[in-house]
N, C-alpha and C. Protein backbone atom coordinates (compact mmCIF):
# COMPACT_ATOMS: atom_id res chain seq x y z
N UNK A 1 7.45 60.32 10.03
CA UNK A 1 8.40 60.88 9.33
C UNK A 1 8.73 62.13 10.25
N UNK A 2 7.80 63.03 10.86
CA UNK A 2 7.98 64.08 11.53
C UNK A 2 8.92 63.63 12.86
N UNK A 3 8.36 62.61 13.24
CA UNK A 3 9.09 62.11 14.67
C UNK A 3 10.51 61.87 14.10
N UNK A 4 11.10 60.95 13.16
CA UNK A 4 12.17 60.63 12.83
C UNK A 4 13.12 62.10 12.46
N UNK A 5 12.54 62.87 11.98
CA UNK A 5 13.30 64.22 11.74
C UNK A 5 13.58 64.96 13.08
N UNK A 6 12.55 64.93 13.98
CA UNK A 6 12.85 65.49 15.37
C UNK A 6 13.87 64.92 16.13
N UNK A 7 13.83 63.36 15.97
CA UNK A 7 14.83 62.82 16.81
C UNK A 7 16.26 62.92 16.05
N UNK A 8 16.18 63.27 14.91
CA UNK A 8 17.37 63.38 13.91
C UNK A 8 17.89 64.83 14.56
N UNK A 9 17.32 65.66 14.66
CA UNK A 9 17.74 67.19 14.88
C UNK A 9 18.19 66.95 16.50
N UNK A 10 17.50 66.38 17.31
CA UNK A 10 17.86 66.31 18.63
C UNK A 10 19.23 65.78 18.69
N UNK A 11 19.60 64.58 17.95
CA UNK A 11 20.76 63.99 17.96
C UNK A 11 21.81 64.81 17.71
N UNK A 12 21.47 65.35 16.56
CA UNK A 12 22.41 66.49 15.99
C UNK A 12 23.02 67.20 17.01
N UNK A 13 21.81 67.94 17.58
CA UNK A 13 22.16 68.96 18.91
C UNK A 13 22.86 68.45 19.90
N UNK A 14 22.66 67.15 20.40
CA UNK A 14 23.16 66.66 21.54
C UNK A 14 24.77 66.12 20.98
N UNK A 15 24.98 65.95 19.92
CA UNK A 15 26.30 65.42 19.52
C UNK A 15 27.10 66.88 19.53
N UNK A 16 26.64 68.06 18.77
CA UNK A 16 27.38 69.34 18.85
C UNK A 16 27.54 69.80 20.08
N UNK A 17 26.49 69.72 21.30
CA UNK A 17 26.92 70.12 22.32
C UNK A 17 27.91 69.27 23.24
N UNK A 18 28.05 68.27 22.98
CA UNK A 18 29.02 67.34 23.39
C UNK A 18 30.42 67.90 23.22
N UNK A 19 30.37 68.24 22.06
CA UNK A 19 31.84 68.56 21.31
C UNK A 19 32.04 70.20 21.78
N UNK A 20 31.94 70.62 22.98
CA UNK A 20 31.92 72.08 23.25
C UNK A 20 33.49 72.34 23.03
N UNK A 21 33.50 73.95 22.68
CA UNK A 21 34.72 74.42 22.31
C UNK A 21 35.29 74.91 23.86
N UNK A 22 36.62 75.68 23.63
CA UNK A 22 37.05 76.15 24.96
C UNK A 22 36.46 77.33 24.77
N UNK A 23 35.80 77.81 25.94
CA UNK A 23 35.28 79.33 26.27
C UNK A 23 36.53 80.03 27.15
N UNK A 24 36.79 81.16 26.57
CA UNK A 24 38.11 82.02 27.02
C UNK A 24 37.41 83.43 27.30
N UNK A 25 37.82 83.72 28.72
CA UNK A 25 37.48 85.15 29.10
C UNK A 25 38.92 85.74 29.55
N UNK A 26 39.20 87.18 29.48
CA UNK A 26 40.14 88.03 29.95
C UNK A 26 39.67 89.12 30.61
N UNK A 27 40.72 89.69 31.50
CA UNK A 27 40.33 90.79 32.01
C UNK A 27 41.62 91.41 32.57
N UNK A 28 41.87 93.00 32.62
CA UNK A 28 42.98 93.39 32.71
C UNK A 28 42.75 94.87 33.30
N UNK A 29 43.88 95.36 33.89
CA UNK A 29 43.99 96.73 34.51
C UNK A 29 44.13 97.54 33.56
N UNK A 30 43.26 98.58 33.11
CA UNK A 30 43.51 99.63 32.00
C UNK A 30 44.85 100.43 32.40
N UNK A 31 45.13 100.56 33.51
CA UNK A 31 46.32 101.49 33.79
C UNK A 31 47.98 100.69 33.59
N UNK A 32 47.60 99.54 33.40
CA UNK A 32 48.88 98.89 33.33
C UNK A 32 49.45 99.09 32.02
N UNK A 33 51.07 99.12 32.30
CA UNK A 33 51.61 99.56 30.97
C UNK A 33 52.30 98.30 30.38
N UNK A 34 51.56 97.64 29.36
CA UNK A 34 51.95 96.49 28.92
C UNK A 34 53.35 96.39 27.97
N UNK A 35 53.25 97.58 27.44
CA UNK A 35 54.35 97.91 26.35
C UNK A 35 55.76 97.75 26.91
N UNK A 36 55.85 97.84 28.24
CA UNK A 36 57.18 97.96 29.14
C UNK A 36 57.63 96.50 29.64
N UNK A 37 56.54 95.76 29.33
CA UNK A 37 57.00 94.23 29.91
C UNK A 37 57.63 93.33 28.86
N UNK A 38 58.79 92.80 29.12
CA UNK A 38 59.52 92.07 28.13
C UNK A 38 59.95 90.68 28.73
N UNK A 39 60.53 90.84 30.21
CA UNK A 39 60.95 89.55 30.56
C UNK A 39 60.09 89.20 31.70
N UNK A 40 59.87 87.74 31.81
CA UNK A 40 59.03 87.18 32.90
C UNK A 40 59.75 86.09 33.58
N UNK A 41 59.14 85.84 34.80
CA UNK A 41 59.62 84.76 35.62
C UNK A 41 58.35 83.97 36.38
N UNK A 42 58.33 82.86 36.67
CA UNK A 42 57.45 81.87 37.25
C UNK A 42 57.29 82.36 38.67
N UNK A 43 55.97 82.22 39.25
CA UNK A 43 55.80 82.16 40.64
C UNK A 43 55.77 80.84 41.15
N UNK A 44 56.38 80.24 42.00
CA UNK A 44 56.21 78.89 42.41
C UNK A 44 54.89 78.90 43.35
N UNK A 45 54.22 77.78 43.11
CA UNK A 45 52.87 77.27 43.79
C UNK A 45 53.42 76.61 45.15
N UNK A 46 52.81 76.99 46.13
CA UNK A 46 53.34 76.13 47.25
C UNK A 46 51.96 75.80 48.11
N UNK A 47 50.91 75.99 47.71
CA UNK A 47 49.67 75.67 48.64
C UNK A 47 49.59 74.26 48.66
N UNK A 48 49.29 73.67 49.90
CA UNK A 48 48.99 72.53 50.15
C UNK A 48 47.45 72.14 49.74
N UNK A 49 46.70 73.00 49.65
CA UNK A 49 45.24 72.63 49.22
C UNK A 49 44.99 72.71 48.17
N UNK A 50 45.91 72.70 47.10
CA UNK A 50 45.61 72.75 45.51
C UNK A 50 44.97 71.69 45.06
N UNK A 51 44.19 71.77 44.00
CA UNK A 51 43.65 70.70 43.25
C UNK A 51 44.22 69.72 42.67
N UNK A 52 43.99 68.41 42.47
CA UNK A 52 44.62 67.41 42.09
C UNK A 52 45.42 67.62 40.61
N UNK A 53 44.78 68.54 39.82
CA UNK A 53 45.49 68.80 38.63
C UNK A 53 46.60 69.73 38.94
N UNK A 54 46.67 70.41 40.07
CA UNK A 54 47.86 71.23 40.67
C UNK A 54 49.03 70.59 40.98
N UNK A 55 48.56 69.31 41.75
CA UNK A 55 49.30 68.48 42.27
C UNK A 55 50.39 67.46 41.16
N UNK A 56 49.37 67.50 39.95
CA UNK A 56 49.88 66.58 39.19
C UNK A 56 51.17 67.30 38.37
N UNK A 57 52.43 66.75 38.44
CA UNK A 57 53.54 67.16 37.70
C UNK A 57 53.66 67.39 36.18
N UNK A 58 52.96 66.42 35.73
CA UNK A 58 52.69 66.39 34.07
C UNK A 58 51.89 67.51 33.68
N UNK A 59 50.91 67.51 34.42
CA UNK A 59 49.72 68.83 33.98
C UNK A 59 50.47 70.22 34.07
N UNK A 60 51.26 70.17 35.28
CA UNK A 60 52.09 71.52 35.63
C UNK A 60 53.07 71.91 34.49
N UNK A 61 53.61 70.59 33.97
CA UNK A 61 54.67 70.84 32.81
C UNK A 61 53.85 71.28 31.58
N UNK A 62 52.92 70.80 31.36
CA UNK A 62 52.25 71.00 30.02
C UNK A 62 51.83 72.14 30.15
N UNK A 63 51.32 72.88 31.36
CA UNK A 63 50.86 74.36 31.35
C UNK A 63 51.96 75.07 31.15
N UNK A 64 52.97 74.97 31.86
CA UNK A 64 54.56 75.94 31.71
C UNK A 64 54.97 75.89 30.36
N UNK A 65 54.95 74.61 29.80
CA UNK A 65 55.55 74.59 28.32
C UNK A 65 54.67 75.35 27.37
N UNK A 66 53.32 75.09 27.74
CA UNK A 66 52.40 75.72 26.61
C UNK A 66 52.42 77.47 26.84
N UNK A 67 52.62 77.82 27.98
CA UNK A 67 52.52 79.29 28.26
C UNK A 67 54.06 79.85 27.67
N UNK A 68 55.14 79.33 28.06
CA UNK A 68 56.28 79.60 27.67
C UNK A 68 56.41 79.50 26.13
N UNK A 69 55.95 78.61 25.22
CA UNK A 69 55.76 78.72 23.89
C UNK A 69 55.30 79.69 23.34
N UNK A 70 53.82 80.04 24.08
CA UNK A 70 53.27 81.21 23.59
C UNK A 70 53.94 82.50 23.83
N UNK A 71 54.53 82.75 25.06
CA UNK A 71 55.28 83.91 25.22
C UNK A 71 56.41 84.41 24.34
N UNK A 72 57.15 82.91 23.82
CA UNK A 72 58.48 82.89 23.18
C UNK A 72 57.89 83.55 21.68
N UNK A 73 56.72 82.88 21.29
CA UNK A 73 56.25 83.41 19.89
C UNK A 73 55.82 84.72 19.96
N UNK A 74 55.45 85.58 21.31
CA UNK A 74 54.98 86.86 21.29
C UNK A 74 56.50 87.76 21.62
N UNK A 75 57.24 87.40 21.76
CA UNK A 75 58.56 87.87 21.78
C UNK A 75 59.15 88.21 23.25
N UNK A 76 58.54 87.78 24.17
CA UNK A 76 58.65 87.70 25.63
C UNK A 76 59.95 86.93 25.94
N UNK A 77 60.74 87.15 26.89
CA UNK A 77 61.99 86.19 27.18
C UNK A 77 61.77 85.84 28.87
N UNK A 78 62.02 84.62 28.94
CA UNK A 78 62.24 84.22 30.48
C UNK A 78 63.40 84.81 31.19
N UNK A 79 63.22 85.55 32.45
CA UNK A 79 64.38 86.45 32.93
C UNK A 79 65.41 85.39 33.30
N UNK A 80 66.66 85.74 33.23
CA UNK A 80 67.73 85.04 33.71
C UNK A 80 68.30 85.51 35.09
N UNK A 81 68.01 86.79 35.38
CA UNK A 81 68.27 87.19 36.39
C UNK A 81 67.15 87.41 37.54
N UNK A 82 67.28 88.12 38.55
CA UNK A 82 65.98 88.05 39.40
C UNK A 82 65.45 89.38 39.17
N UNK A 83 65.42 90.08 38.13
CA UNK A 83 64.64 91.55 37.97
C UNK A 83 63.59 91.35 36.67
N UNK A 84 62.73 90.36 36.64
CA UNK A 84 61.85 90.31 35.54
C UNK A 84 60.89 91.46 35.54
N UNK A 85 60.20 91.67 34.42
CA UNK A 85 59.32 92.80 34.10
C UNK A 85 57.97 92.22 34.83
N UNK A 86 57.70 91.11 34.51
CA UNK A 86 56.29 90.46 35.19
C UNK A 86 56.62 89.21 35.50
N UNK A 87 55.40 88.87 36.12
CA UNK A 87 55.36 87.53 36.96
C UNK A 87 54.26 86.66 36.27
N UNK A 88 54.49 85.36 36.30
CA UNK A 88 53.24 84.55 35.46
C UNK A 88 52.89 83.48 36.84
N UNK A 89 51.61 83.29 36.94
CA UNK A 89 51.02 82.32 38.10
C UNK A 89 50.01 81.59 37.17
N UNK A 90 49.59 80.38 37.56
CA UNK A 90 48.63 79.90 37.04
C UNK A 90 47.93 78.97 37.85
N UNK A 91 46.63 78.62 37.73
CA UNK A 91 45.97 77.57 38.47
C UNK A 91 45.07 76.72 37.38
N UNK A 92 44.93 75.61 37.80
CA UNK A 92 44.29 74.35 36.96
C UNK A 92 43.42 73.68 38.14
N UNK A 93 42.28 73.45 37.47
CA UNK A 93 41.37 72.87 38.54
C UNK A 93 40.05 71.96 37.61
N UNK A 94 39.66 71.05 38.17
CA UNK A 94 38.39 70.48 37.51
C UNK A 94 37.19 70.16 38.40
N UNK A 95 36.01 70.00 37.64
CA UNK A 95 34.86 69.59 38.55
C UNK A 95 34.02 68.85 37.84
N UNK A 96 33.20 67.97 38.47
CA UNK A 96 32.49 67.12 37.72
C UNK A 96 31.20 67.78 37.40
N UNK A 97 30.52 67.67 36.18
CA UNK A 97 29.36 68.22 35.77
C UNK A 97 28.33 67.24 35.17
N UNK A 98 27.02 67.55 35.22
CA UNK A 98 25.83 66.74 34.64
C UNK A 98 24.98 67.52 34.01
N UNK A 99 24.63 67.17 32.57
CA UNK A 99 23.68 67.94 32.05
C UNK A 99 22.51 66.72 31.70
N UNK A 100 21.29 67.56 32.07
CA UNK A 100 20.05 66.51 32.04
C UNK A 100 19.15 67.49 30.97
N UNK A 101 18.84 66.48 29.93
CA UNK A 101 18.12 67.22 28.94
C UNK A 101 16.91 66.46 28.87
N UNK A 102 15.68 66.96 28.79
CA UNK A 102 14.11 66.50 28.58
C UNK A 102 13.81 66.81 27.14
N UNK A 103 13.30 65.41 26.49
CA UNK A 103 12.94 65.63 25.13
C UNK A 103 11.54 65.45 25.07
N UNK A 104 10.73 65.96 24.70
CA UNK A 104 9.19 65.52 24.17
C UNK A 104 9.10 65.44 22.94
N UNK A 105 8.69 64.30 22.44
CA UNK A 105 8.76 64.02 21.23
C UNK A 105 7.51 63.37 20.62
N UNK A 106 6.70 63.19 21.28
CA UNK A 106 5.53 62.80 20.48
C UNK A 106 4.14 63.43 21.14
N UNK A 107 3.34 63.68 20.29
CA UNK A 107 2.12 64.42 20.50
C UNK A 107 0.96 63.34 19.89
N UNK A 108 -0.02 63.49 20.64
CA UNK A 108 -1.14 62.34 20.22
C UNK A 108 -2.27 63.40 20.00
N UNK A 109 -3.24 62.99 19.79
CA UNK A 109 -4.65 63.59 19.49
C UNK A 109 -4.83 64.64 20.42
N UNK A 110 -5.37 65.82 19.84
CA UNK A 110 -5.50 67.15 20.79
C UNK A 110 -4.21 67.48 21.47
N UNK A 111 -3.10 67.21 20.89
CA UNK A 111 -1.85 67.89 21.14
C UNK A 111 -1.41 67.51 22.55
N UNK A 112 -1.94 66.23 23.21
CA UNK A 112 -1.49 65.80 24.28
C UNK A 112 0.08 64.99 24.13
N UNK A 113 0.82 65.17 25.16
CA UNK A 113 2.04 64.67 24.96
C UNK A 113 1.90 63.18 25.05
N UNK A 114 2.60 62.41 24.28
CA UNK A 114 2.39 60.82 24.62
C UNK A 114 3.66 60.19 24.92
N UNK A 115 4.72 60.88 24.88
CA UNK A 115 6.22 60.40 25.25
C UNK A 115 7.23 61.48 25.58
N UNK A 116 8.20 61.09 26.36
CA UNK A 116 9.21 61.67 26.39
C UNK A 116 10.68 61.05 26.81
N UNK A 117 11.71 61.56 26.62
CA UNK A 117 12.99 61.16 26.72
C UNK A 117 13.78 61.89 27.71
N UNK A 118 14.52 61.25 28.47
CA UNK A 118 15.58 61.95 29.17
C UNK A 118 16.95 61.57 28.94
N UNK A 119 17.81 62.59 28.74
CA UNK A 119 19.10 62.44 28.82
C UNK A 119 20.20 62.83 29.63
N UNK A 120 21.03 62.10 30.13
CA UNK A 120 21.64 62.60 31.16
C UNK A 120 23.30 62.31 30.61
N UNK A 121 24.14 63.41 30.77
CA UNK A 121 25.33 63.21 30.33
C UNK A 121 26.40 63.68 31.68
N UNK A 122 27.22 63.00 31.89
CA UNK A 122 28.21 63.18 33.25
C UNK A 122 29.58 63.62 32.40
N UNK A 123 30.22 64.63 32.74
CA UNK A 123 31.83 64.98 32.27
C UNK A 123 32.26 65.64 33.26
N UNK A 124 33.59 65.92 32.84
CA UNK A 124 34.60 66.64 33.60
C UNK A 124 34.74 67.91 32.97
N UNK A 125 34.75 68.95 33.66
CA UNK A 125 34.96 70.18 33.02
C UNK A 125 36.27 70.89 33.72
N UNK A 126 37.32 71.48 32.92
CA UNK A 126 38.48 71.84 33.63
C UNK A 126 38.50 73.53 33.44
N UNK A 127 39.06 74.10 34.21
CA UNK A 127 39.47 75.32 34.30
C UNK A 127 40.97 75.69 34.37
N UNK A 128 41.54 76.56 33.61
CA UNK A 128 42.83 76.99 33.53
C UNK A 128 42.77 78.60 33.76
N UNK A 129 43.49 79.06 34.92
CA UNK A 129 43.69 80.43 34.86
C UNK A 129 45.14 80.89 34.77
N UNK A 130 45.41 82.01 33.90
CA UNK A 130 46.81 82.48 33.88
C UNK A 130 46.83 83.84 34.35
N UNK A 131 47.72 84.20 35.18
CA UNK A 131 47.69 85.61 35.86
C UNK A 131 48.99 86.21 35.43
N UNK A 132 49.10 87.53 34.79
CA UNK A 132 50.35 88.18 34.47
C UNK A 132 50.44 89.34 35.60
N UNK A 133 51.39 89.40 36.32
CA UNK A 133 51.58 90.42 37.61
C UNK A 133 52.67 91.28 37.35
N UNK A 134 52.60 92.57 37.51
CA UNK A 134 53.61 93.58 37.53
C UNK A 134 54.61 93.18 38.49
N UNK A 135 55.68 92.87 38.31
CA UNK A 135 56.74 92.54 39.15
C UNK A 135 57.07 93.74 40.03
N UNK A 136 57.05 94.89 39.64
CA UNK A 136 57.44 96.12 40.36
C UNK A 136 56.43 96.36 41.48
N UNK A 137 55.10 96.56 41.09
CA UNK A 137 54.07 96.84 41.88
C UNK A 137 53.50 95.67 42.66
N UNK A 138 53.55 94.43 42.18
CA UNK A 138 53.16 93.27 42.52
C UNK A 138 51.67 93.25 42.41
N UNK A 139 51.09 94.05 41.42
CA UNK A 139 49.63 94.00 41.30
C UNK A 139 49.02 93.08 39.99
N UNK A 140 48.09 92.73 39.94
CA UNK A 140 47.74 91.85 38.95
C UNK A 140 47.23 92.58 37.71
N UNK A 141 48.13 92.37 36.57
CA UNK A 141 47.89 93.50 35.47
C UNK A 141 46.93 92.73 34.32
N UNK A 142 46.80 91.39 34.34
CA UNK A 142 46.00 90.57 33.33
C UNK A 142 45.69 89.08 33.79
N UNK A 143 44.56 88.66 33.57
CA UNK A 143 44.20 87.35 33.79
C UNK A 143 43.29 86.99 32.72
N UNK A 144 43.42 85.69 32.44
CA UNK A 144 43.11 85.02 31.48
C UNK A 144 42.49 83.51 31.94
N UNK A 145 41.23 83.27 31.69
CA UNK A 145 40.74 82.02 31.97
C UNK A 145 40.16 81.07 30.72
N UNK A 146 40.35 79.98 30.68
CA UNK A 146 39.73 78.95 29.81
C UNK A 146 38.91 77.70 30.36
N UNK A 147 37.66 77.65 30.08
CA UNK A 147 36.94 76.48 30.63
C UNK A 147 36.58 75.60 29.36
N UNK A 148 36.88 74.27 29.68
CA UNK A 148 36.55 73.42 28.50
C UNK A 148 36.27 71.95 29.02
N UNK A 149 35.42 71.30 28.48
CA UNK A 149 35.18 69.94 28.71
C UNK A 149 36.55 69.15 28.68
N UNK A 150 37.11 68.15 29.65
CA UNK A 150 38.06 67.59 29.83
C UNK A 150 37.87 66.22 28.88
N UNK A 151 39.10 65.97 27.99
CA UNK A 151 38.66 64.79 27.03
C UNK A 151 39.77 63.34 27.33
N UNK A 152 40.17 63.55 28.55
CA UNK A 152 40.96 62.34 29.17
C UNK A 152 42.39 62.54 29.04
N UNK A 153 43.15 62.07 29.83
CA UNK A 153 44.47 61.92 30.05
C UNK A 153 45.34 61.94 28.81
N UNK A 154 44.98 61.00 28.00
CA UNK A 154 45.79 61.18 26.80
C UNK A 154 45.52 62.21 25.78
N UNK A 155 44.84 63.14 26.23
CA UNK A 155 44.70 64.50 25.34
C UNK A 155 44.98 65.80 26.26
N UNK A 156 45.75 65.29 27.42
CA UNK A 156 45.90 66.31 28.14
C UNK A 156 46.92 67.53 27.50
N UNK A 157 47.87 67.17 27.00
CA UNK A 157 48.95 68.22 26.54
C UNK A 157 48.28 69.25 25.37
N UNK A 158 47.44 68.52 24.45
CA UNK A 158 46.82 69.16 23.44
C UNK A 158 45.91 69.88 23.88
N UNK A 159 44.73 69.65 24.75
CA UNK A 159 43.95 70.44 25.27
C UNK A 159 44.36 71.64 26.03
N UNK A 160 45.49 71.38 26.98
CA UNK A 160 46.23 72.72 27.46
C UNK A 160 47.05 73.55 26.48
N UNK A 161 47.52 73.09 25.58
CA UNK A 161 48.09 74.07 24.45
C UNK A 161 47.09 74.80 23.83
N UNK A 162 45.93 74.12 23.57
CA UNK A 162 44.77 74.88 22.61
C UNK A 162 44.29 75.62 23.73
N UNK A 163 44.02 75.58 24.70
CA UNK A 163 43.42 76.62 25.86
C UNK A 163 44.55 77.70 25.94
N UNK A 164 45.93 77.60 26.02
CA UNK A 164 46.51 78.32 26.49
C UNK A 164 46.83 79.54 25.05
N UNK A 165 46.83 78.77 23.94
CA UNK A 165 46.89 79.51 22.77
C UNK A 165 45.74 80.50 22.73
N UNK A 166 44.53 80.02 22.87
CA UNK A 166 43.45 80.80 22.61
C UNK A 166 43.32 81.92 23.75
N UNK A 167 43.75 81.61 24.89
CA UNK A 167 43.75 82.65 26.04
C UNK A 167 44.82 83.98 25.64
N UNK A 168 46.18 83.41 25.33
CA UNK A 168 46.92 84.21 25.35
C UNK A 168 46.92 84.99 23.81
N UNK A 169 46.11 84.55 23.20
CA UNK A 169 45.94 85.51 21.78
C UNK A 169 45.38 86.65 22.00
N UNK A 170 44.81 87.03 23.28
CA UNK A 170 44.09 88.17 23.69
C UNK A 170 45.27 88.90 24.70
N UNK A 171 46.47 88.32 24.78
CA UNK A 171 47.40 89.26 25.32
C UNK A 171 48.59 89.58 24.42
N UNK A 172 49.01 90.80 24.57
CA UNK A 172 48.70 91.71 25.60
C UNK A 172 47.17 92.51 25.20
N UNK A 173 46.49 93.03 25.92
CA UNK A 173 45.30 93.73 25.41
C UNK A 173 45.46 94.80 24.57
N UNK A 174 44.50 95.15 23.79
CA UNK A 174 44.70 96.23 23.02
C UNK A 174 44.18 97.57 23.54
């Protein structure tokens, strides 16, 4: 019975860690005047060495739409002229990850280990970075980044939207 309970707990732990949430971090320049920033413009990416995600036009569109939706909801406007208050840039990338977990589940007489199990989980982790740059000084004013397990191409738009929403919830900083 103990063994069955132990395996059940391990199973629940494995499932809960497999459904990891979005981890978000932010940083900002404490001297930046965020109250004066009202209009924005995107910075064009032209790097030839960008990740596969940055080269994907649909991923780029999902990110831009998600950021613009959040900025609109916060009362910021996309600049129609060439004099925005701030610039927005982003970077998206992914990497392969492997989690290896060792489970010791059976002890015999005198406390000796009698069995073990190894779980190997391969997955892809995505990172999205959004930068807010003061257009006048060209200095980075705010940076947010979100890291999450990628759930497949069919969920890309929803994953990006959730990451951007959680990240920009912290913008502007208090």
